Amino acid sequence: MNLPNKLTVLRVILVPFFVAFLLLSKSSESLKWIALILFIAASLTDLLDGKIARKYNLVTTFGKFMDPLADKVLTISGMICLIELGRIPSWIVVIIVAREFIISGFRLIATEHGIVIAANYWGKWKTTFQMIMIILMIVNLPALAMVTQIVMWIALALTIISLITYIQQNMDVVRTMELK
């Protein structure tokens, strides 16, 4: 297993620890900082694994599949915890999760036809804004409340835009689904 793939696996391994500390932060404010550090560390592995894979030509099918999956596990886990903490409306998380299931379904069907659908820049921006949103919501500072709300709405908009873009860019996969 190459370094980028190890970083992707590390991101998945960090998720339960991040979730535990974030949920425990309800009873101990100081634990939110540990959760924040774990989330930022896991998020940085996303940036690093892609850069390393492209720079050193270490892109693998495993990485193309697991990297977006690891992102989903990390961000969705964070958002579900933030619902529990009362920091994000559940309906926004439902829209985000629905988009992730739809895109994952597209990728699965495409894979069955020998097509790998890699992340596009809309999807990368969506993930970036979701991660920034989660960081701001973990920090939960009243002085940043307006910024947090703006970032949340941008993340939601990018989620919807990236869904539409994926469908438009992969109409051949849609047509294949219609024929089966």
Protein backbone atom coordinates (compact mmCIF):
# COMPACT_ATOMS: atom_id res chain seq x y z
CA MET A 1 0.00 0.00 0.00
CA ASN A 2 1.47 3.34 -1.03
CA LEU A 3 1.67 6.50 1.12
CA PRO A 4 -1.41 8.26 -0.31
CA ASN A 5 -3.53 5.16 0.34
CA LYS A 6 -2.12 4.89 3.87
CA LEU A 7 -3.14 8.52 4.49
CA THR A 8 -6.64 7.74 3.23
CA VAL A 9 -6.90 4.75 5.58
CA LEU A 10 -5.56 6.92 8.44
CA ARG A 11 -8.36 9.41 7.77
CA VAL A 12 -10.94 6.64 8.22
CA ILE A 13 -9.20 5.39 11.39
CA LEU A 14 -9.29 8.89 12.92
CA VAL A 15 -13.08 9.18 12.49
CA PRO A 16 -14.21 7.18 15.57
CA PHE A 17 -11.79 9.08 17.80
CA PHE A 18 -12.96 12.40 16.37
CA VAL A 19 -16.62 11.41 16.87
CA ALA A 20 -16.02 10.27 20.46
CA PHE A 21 -14.25 13.47 21.48
CA LEU A 22 -16.79 15.67 19.70
CA LEU A 23 -19.76 13.99 21.35
CA LEU A 24 -18.02 13.98 24.74
CA SER A 25 -17.46 17.72 24.35
CA LYS A 26 -21.10 18.18 25.45
CA SER A 27 -19.93 17.44 28.99
CA SER A 28 -16.42 18.88 28.75
CA GLU A 29 -15.72 21.96 26.64
CA SER A 30 -11.99 21.20 26.49
CA LEU A 31 -12.64 17.96 24.57
CA LYS A 32 -13.91 19.96 21.59
CA TRP A 33 -10.34 21.13 21.00
CA ILE A 34 -9.13 17.53 20.79
CA ALA A 35 -11.98 16.79 18.38
CA LEU A 36 -11.02 19.86 16.38
CA ILE A 37 -7.37 18.80 16.15
CA LEU A 38 -8.37 15.30 15.07
CA PHE A 39 -10.75 16.67 12.44
CA ILE A 40 -8.17 19.09 11.06
CA ALA A 41 -5.52 16.35 10.99
CA ALA A 42 -7.89 14.01 9.17
CA SER A 43 -8.87 16.79 6.74
CA LEU A 44 -5.22 17.54 6.00
CA THR A 45 -4.65 13.89 5.05
CA ASP A 46 -7.18 14.49 2.27
CA LEU A 47 -5.10 17.37 0.93
CA LEU A 48 -1.84 15.45 1.28
CA ASP A 49 -2.87 12.12 -0.20
CA GLY A 50 -4.07 13.71 -3.43
CA LYS A 51 -1.01 15.93 -3.84
CA ILE A 52 1.39 13.06 -3.19
CA ALA A 53 -0.52 10.65 -5.45
CA ARG A 54 -0.51 13.08 -8.38
CA LYS A 55 3.05 14.36 -7.89
CA TYR A 56 4.63 10.91 -7.68
CA ASN A 57 2.20 9.13 -10.03
CA LEU A 58 0.82 6.98 -7.22
CA VAL A 59 -2.84 7.25 -8.28
CA THR A 60 -4.54 3.88 -7.78
CA THR A 61 -8.03 2.51 -8.28
CA PHE A 62 -8.15 1.95 -4.50
CA GLY A 63 -7.33 5.63 -3.95
CA LYS A 64 -9.88 6.83 -6.51
CA PHE A 65 -12.54 4.81 -4.71
CA MET A 66 -11.48 5.15 -1.07
CA ASP A 67 -10.44 8.82 -1.02
CA PRO A 68 -13.94 10.19 -1.69
CA LEU A 69 -15.42 7.51 0.59
CA ALA A 70 -13.07 8.51 3.42
CA ASP A 71 -14.10 12.15 2.90
CA LYS A 72 -17.76 11.17 3.15
CA VAL A 73 -17.22 9.13 6.32
CA LEU A 74 -15.32 12.00 7.94
CA THR A 75 -17.65 14.85 6.95
CA ILE A 76 -20.94 13.02 7.41
CA SER A 77 -19.85 11.71 10.83
CA GLY A 78 -18.97 15.25 11.84
CA MET A 79 -22.28 16.66 10.61
CA ILE A 80 -24.32 13.96 12.37
CA CYS A 81 -22.50 14.77 15.62
CA LEU A 82 -23.18 18.47 15.03
CA ILE A 83 -26.90 17.70 14.74
CA GLU A 84 -26.66 16.05 18.16
CA LEU A 85 -24.90 19.16 19.47
CA GLY A 86 -27.61 21.41 18.00
CA ARG A 87 -25.25 23.26 15.64
CA ILE A 88 -26.60 22.27 12.22
CA PRO A 89 -30.16 21.68 11.04
CA SER A 90 -30.84 18.04 10.25
CA TRP A 91 -32.50 18.86 6.91
CA ILE A 92 -29.24 20.30 5.61
CA VAL A 93 -27.41 17.12 6.58
CA VAL A 94 -30.13 15.04 4.89
CA ILE A 95 -29.60 16.93 1.61
CA ILE A 96 -25.83 16.51 1.87
CA VAL A 97 -26.09 12.79 2.69
CA ALA A 98 -28.61 12.24 -0.13
CA ARG A 99 -26.17 13.83 -2.59
CA GLU A 100 -23.40 11.56 -1.36
CA PHE A 101 -25.55 8.43 -1.81
CA ILE A 102 -26.57 9.52 -5.31
CA ILE A 103 -22.97 10.16 -6.39
CA SER A 104 -21.79 6.92 -4.78
CA GLY A 105 -24.50 5.10 -6.72
CA PHE A 106 -23.34 6.74 -9.94
CA ARG A 107 -19.77 5.71 -9.21
CA LEU A 108 -20.80 2.13 -8.48
CA ILE A 109 -22.77 1.83 -11.73
CA ALA A 110 -19.96 3.47 -13.68
CA THR A 111 -17.44 1.04 -12.17
CA GLU A 112 -19.56 -1.88 -13.35
CA HIS A 113 -19.10 -0.48 -16.88
CA GLY A 114 -15.35 0.04 -16.47
CA ILE A 115 -15.65 3.80 -15.89
CA VAL A 116 -14.04 5.50 -12.90
CA ILE A 117 -15.70 8.80 -11.99
CA ALA A 118 -13.09 10.85 -10.19
CA ALA A 119 -13.90 13.92 -8.13
CA ASN A 120 -14.26 17.14 -10.11
CA TYR A 121 -13.49 20.64 -8.87
CA TRP A 122 -17.10 21.26 -7.75
CA GLY A 123 -16.91 18.17 -5.58
CA LYS A 124 -13.55 19.25 -4.20
CA TRP A 125 -14.88 22.73 -3.37
CA LYS A 126 -17.95 21.14 -1.78
CA THR A 127 -15.76 18.98 0.44
CA THR A 128 -13.51 21.94 1.32
CA PHE A 129 -16.46 24.12 2.38
CA GLN A 130 -18.05 21.26 4.30
CA MET A 131 -14.80 20.79 6.20
CA ILE A 132 -14.49 24.52 6.92
CA MET A 133 -18.13 24.54 8.05
CA ILE A 134 -17.52 21.63 10.42
CA ILE A 135 -14.42 23.33 11.85
CA LEU A 136 -16.36 26.54 12.47
CA MET A 137 -19.24 24.61 14.05
CA ILE A 138 -16.90 22.70 16.34
CA VAL A 139 -15.22 25.93 17.46
CA ASN A 140 -18.70 27.42 17.96
CA LEU A 141 -17.67 30.99 18.75
CA PRO A 142 -20.48 33.57 18.87
CA ALA A 143 -18.21 36.08 17.09
CA LEU A 144 -18.05 33.69 14.13
CA ALA A 145 -21.76 32.85 14.02
CA MET A 146 -22.47 34.89 10.87
CA VAL A 147 -19.39 33.52 9.08
CA THR A 148 -20.39 29.99 10.08
CA GLN A 149 -23.89 30.51 8.66
CA ILE A 150 -22.52 31.88 5.38
CA VAL A 151 -20.09 28.98 5.04
CA MET A 152 -22.92 26.52 5.79
CA TRP A 153 -25.07 27.99 3.00
CA ILE A 154 -22.13 27.97 0.58
CA ALA A 155 -21.43 24.31 1.48
CA LEU A 156 -25.10 23.46 0.84
CA ALA A 157 -25.12 25.33 -2.49
CA LEU A 158 -21.90 23.62 -3.59
CA THR A 159 -23.40 20.27 -2.61
CA ILE A 160 -26.35 20.85 -4.93
CA ILE A 161 -24.22 22.37 -7.74
CA SER A 162 -21.77 19.46 -7.59
CA LEU A 163 -24.64 16.96 -7.79
CA ILE A 164 -26.07 18.64 -10.88
CA THR A 165 -22.61 18.88 -12.43
CA TYR A 166 -21.83 15.20 -11.81
CA ILE A 167 -25.10 14.18 -13.44
CA GLN A 168 -24.54 16.48 -16.44
CA GLN A 169 -20.93 15.37 -16.92
CA ASN A 170 -21.86 11.70 -16.66
CA MET A 171 -24.99 11.51 -18.78
CA ASP A 172 -23.53 8.44 -20.50
CA VAL A 173 -23.76 6.62 -17.16
CA VAL A 174 -27.37 7.85 -16.79
CA ARG A 175 -28.18 6.56 -20.28
CA THR A 176 -26.60 3.22 -19.43
CA MET A 177 -28.83 3.01 -16.35
CA GLU A 178 -31.90 3.75 -18.49
CA LEU A 179 -31.04 0.96 -20.91
CA LYS A 180 -30.70 -1.72 -18.24
